[in-house]
C-alpha atoms as a PDB file:
ATOM      1  CA  MET A   1      22.033 -55.253 229.821  1.00  0.00           C
ATOM      2  CA  SER A   2      25.611 -54.189 230.292  1.00  0.00           C
ATOM      3  CA  ILE A   3      28.518 -56.068 228.793  1.00  0.00           C
ATOM      4  CA  ASP A   4      31.689 -56.129 230.824  1.00  0.00           C
ATOM      5  CA  ARG A   5      35.228 -55.804 229.499  1.00  0.00           C
ATOM      6  CA  LYS A   6      36.019 -59.509 229.864  1.00  0.00           C
ATOM      7  CA  THR A   7      33.054 -60.539 227.725  1.00  0.00           C
ATOM      8  CA  THR A   8      33.938 -57.972 225.068  1.00  0.00           C
ATOM      9  CA  ARG A   9      37.575 -59.106 224.971  1.00  0.00           C
ATOM     10  CA  ARG A  10      36.568 -62.751 224.631  1.00  0.00           C
ATOM     11  CA  ARG A  11      34.200 -61.909 221.770  1.00  0.00           C
ATOM     12  CA  ILE A  12      36.951 -60.000 219.972  1.00  0.00           C
ATOM     13  CA  HIS A  13      39.446 -62.826 220.597  1.00  0.00           C
ATOM     14  CA  ALA A  14      37.030 -65.369 219.105  1.00  0.00           C
ATOM     15  CA  ARG A  15      36.673 -63.185 216.011  1.00  0.00           C
ATOM     16  CA  ILE A  16      40.462 -62.935 215.672  1.00  0.00           C
ATOM     17  CA  ARG A  17      40.959 -66.693 216.127  1.00  0.00           C
ATOM     18  CA  LYS A  18      38.486 -67.452 213.327  1.00  0.00           C
ATOM     19  CA  LYS A  19      40.818 -65.725 210.902  1.00  0.00           C
ATOM     20  CA  LEU A  20      44.308 -66.718 212.038  1.00  0.00           C
ATOM     21  CA  SER A  21      45.950 -70.005 212.808  1.00  0.00           C
ATOM     22  CA  GLY A  22      49.514 -71.125 213.427  1.00  0.00           C
ATOM     23  CA  SER A  23      51.211 -73.647 211.171  1.00  0.00           C
ATOM     24  CA  ALA A  24      54.556 -75.406 211.197  1.00  0.00           C
ATOM     25  CA  GLU A  25      56.038 -72.694 208.938  1.00  0.00           C
ATOM     26  CA  ARG A  26      54.509 -69.754 210.858  1.00  0.00           C
ATOM     27  CA  PRO A  27      53.359 -70.687 214.365  1.00  0.00           C
ATOM     28  CA  ARG A  28      51.050 -68.451 216.374  1.00  0.00           C
ATOM     29  CA  LEU A  29      52.527 -66.105 218.998  1.00  0.00           C
ATOM     30  CA  ALA A  30      49.729 -65.934 221.586  1.00  0.00           C
ATOM     31  CA  VAL A  31      49.778 -63.488 224.503  1.00  0.00           C
ATOM     32  CA  HIS A  32      47.772 -63.626 227.714  1.00  0.00           C
ATOM     33  CA  PHE A  33      47.709 -60.994 230.436  1.00  0.00           C
ATOM     34  CA  SER A  34      46.355 -61.476 233.919  1.00  0.00           C
ATOM     35  CA  ASN A  35      46.457 -58.821 236.617  1.00  0.00           C
ATOM     36  CA  ARG A  36      49.881 -59.982 237.795  1.00  0.00           C
ATOM     37  CA  ASN A  37      51.464 -62.105 235.073  1.00  0.00           C
ATOM     38  CA  ILE A  38      52.169 -62.266 231.364  1.00  0.00           C
ATOM     39  CA  CYS A  39      52.173 -65.541 229.452  1.00  0.00           C
ATOM     40  CA  VAL A  40      53.474 -65.775 225.882  1.00  0.00           C
ATOM     41  CA  GLN A  41      53.429 -68.974 223.810  1.00  0.00           C
ATOM     42  CA  VAL A  42      54.516 -69.972 220.323  1.00  0.00           C
ATOM     43  CA  ILE A  43      51.942 -72.553 219.210  1.00  0.00           C
ATOM     44  CA  ASP A  44      51.701 -74.884 216.202  1.00  0.00           C
ATOM     45  CA  ASP A  45      47.918 -75.202 215.821  1.00  0.00           C
ATOM     46  CA  THR A  46      48.049 -78.014 213.253  1.00  0.00           C
ATOM     47  CA  LYS A  47      49.680 -80.329 215.812  1.00  0.00           C
ATOM     48  CA  GLY A  48      48.331 -78.610 218.919  1.00  0.00           C
ATOM     49  CA  VAL A  49      51.816 -78.234 220.394  1.00  0.00           C
ATOM     50  CA  THR A  50      53.471 -75.373 222.259  1.00  0.00           C
ATOM     51  CA  LEU A  51      56.928 -74.851 220.766  1.00  0.00           C
ATOM     52  CA  ALA A  52      58.239 -72.143 223.112  1.00  0.00           C
ATOM     53  CA  SER A  53      56.821 -70.242 226.056  1.00  0.00           C
ATOM     54  CA  VAL A  54      57.600 -67.489 228.541  1.00  0.00           C
ATOM     55  CA  ASN A  55      55.772 -66.810 231.774  1.00  0.00           C
ATOM     56  CA  THR A  56      56.486 -64.123 234.348  1.00  0.00           C
ATOM     57  CA  THR A  57      56.230 -66.721 237.095  1.00  0.00           C
ATOM     58  CA  GLU A  58      59.710 -67.853 236.025  1.00  0.00           C
ATOM     59  CA  GLU A  59      62.549 -66.823 238.291  1.00  0.00           C
ATOM     60  CA  ASN A  60      64.332 -64.351 235.986  1.00  0.00           C
ATOM     61  CA  LEU A  61      61.290 -62.158 235.185  1.00  0.00           C
ATOM     62  CA  PRO A  62      59.511 -59.800 237.582  1.00  0.00           C
ATOM     63  CA  SER A  63      56.025 -60.940 238.539  1.00  0.00           C
ATOM     64  CA  LYS A  64      54.263 -57.798 237.444  1.00  0.00           C
ATOM     65  CA  ALA A  65      52.175 -57.134 234.324  1.00  0.00           C
ATOM     66  CA  SER A  66      53.789 -53.890 233.196  1.00  0.00           C
ATOM     67  CA  VAL A  67      55.232 -52.475 229.990  1.00  0.00           C
ATOM     68  CA  GLU A  68      58.792 -53.168 231.192  1.00  0.00           C
ATOM     69  CA  THR A  69      57.955 -56.789 231.961  1.00  0.00           C
ATOM     70  CA  ALA A  70      56.227 -57.155 228.591  1.00  0.00           C
ATOM     71  CA  THR A  71      59.362 -55.863 226.871  1.00  0.00           C
ATOM     72  CA  ALA A  72      61.520 -58.390 228.716  1.00  0.00           C
ATOM     73  CA  ALA A  73      59.066 -61.191 227.886  1.00  0.00           C
ATOM     74  CA  GLY A  74      59.098 -60.196 224.200  1.00  0.00           C
ATOM     75  CA  LYS A  75      62.895 -60.373 224.045  1.00  0.00           C
ATOM     76  CA  LEU A  76      62.952 -63.710 225.867  1.00  0.00           C
ATOM     77  CA  ILE A  77      60.274 -65.323 223.674  1.00  0.00           C
ATOM     78  CA  ALA A  78      62.184 -64.251 220.556  1.00  0.00           C
ATOM     79  CA  GLU A  79      65.363 -65.855 221.903  1.00  0.00           C
ATOM     80  CA  ARG A  80      63.547 -69.089 222.758  1.00  0.00           C
ATOM     81  CA  ALA A  81      61.811 -69.145 219.376  1.00  0.00           C
ATOM     82  CA  LYS A  82      65.143 -68.725 217.608  1.00  0.00           C
ATOM     83  CA  ALA A  83      66.558 -71.563 219.702  1.00  0.00           C
ATOM     84  CA  ALA A  84      63.660 -73.705 218.437  1.00  0.00           C
ATOM     85  CA  SER A  85      64.538 -72.566 214.850  1.00  0.00           C
ATOM     86  CA  ILE A  86      61.466 -70.352 214.436  1.00  0.00           C
ATOM     87  CA  SER A  87      61.961 -67.055 212.639  1.00  0.00           C
ATOM     88  CA  ALA A  88      58.451 -66.022 211.500  1.00  0.00           C
ATOM     89  CA  VAL A  89      55.233 -66.081 213.527  1.00  0.00           C
ATOM     90  CA  VAL A  90      51.621 -64.934 213.342  1.00  0.00           C
ATOM     91  CA  PHE A  91      50.792 -62.502 216.161  1.00  0.00           C
ATOM     92  CA  ASP A  92      47.665 -63.255 218.222  1.00  0.00           C
ATOM     93  CA  ARG A  93      47.011 -60.301 220.512  1.00  0.00           C
ATOM     94  CA  GLY A  94      44.358 -62.237 222.432  1.00  0.00           C
ATOM     95  CA  GLY A  95      41.567 -59.717 221.972  1.00  0.00           C
ATOM     96  CA  HIS A  96      43.574 -56.965 223.648  1.00  0.00           C
ATOM     97  CA  ILE A  97      43.984 -53.550 222.040  1.00  0.00           C
ATOM     98  CA  TYR A  98      47.339 -53.162 220.275  1.00  0.00           C
ATOM     99  CA  HIS A  99      48.569 -50.560 222.755  1.00  0.00           C
ATOM    100  CA  GLY A 100      50.721 -50.453 225.867  1.00  0.00           C
ATOM    101  CA  LYS A 101      51.842 -53.895 227.024  1.00  0.00           C
ATOM    102  CA  VAL A 102      50.800 -55.655 223.816  1.00  0.00           C
ATOM    103  CA  LYS A 103      52.662 -53.167 221.623  1.00  0.00           C
ATOM    104  CA  ALA A 104      55.751 -53.256 223.876  1.00  0.00           C
ATOM    105  CA  LEU A 105      55.865 -57.059 223.741  1.00  0.00           C
ATOM    106  CA  ALA A 106      55.439 -57.129 219.955  1.00  0.00           C
ATOM    107  CA  ASP A 107      58.075 -54.436 219.356  1.00  0.00           C
ATOM    108  CA  ALA A 108      60.589 -56.180 221.622  1.00  0.00           C
ATOM    109  CA  ALA A 109      60.032 -59.504 219.841  1.00  0.00           C
ATOM    110  CA  ARG A 110      60.503 -57.805 216.448  1.00  0.00           C
ATOM    111  CA  GLU A 111      63.701 -56.098 217.599  1.00  0.00           C
ATOM    112  CA  ALA A 112      65.041 -59.436 218.850  1.00  0.00           C
ATOM    113  CA  GLY A 113      64.535 -60.983 215.409  1.00  0.00           C
ATOM    114  CA  LEU A 114      61.043 -62.449 215.082  1.00  0.00           C
ATOM    115  CA  GLN A 115      59.184 -61.560 211.898  1.00  0.00           C
ATOM    116  CA  PHE A 116      55.433 -60.876 211.914  1.00  0.00           C
END
């Protein structure tokens, strides 16, 4: 029986989500990558509310899941989080390996002022 990449990523994401949760003081910065788009959300899990979000389907971001787009999304989510008076978050990489797009997004968000 072979296990595909999607199943493996979902299993890893479930293991990560057991251990981390966003609160009002430190919401969760969740990332999702599809083949074409990147979606980033700042979520308060105690209330079940999205506090800030960025999606590459917006007009000012290119609709392409690349390292450059991830960097732009990281900067934009940090700006929107600061506008919502959020300075510290918990990073949820969504089961993806911390490499490439995930690392670029996280580094850009850190450079723009988010702490995690």
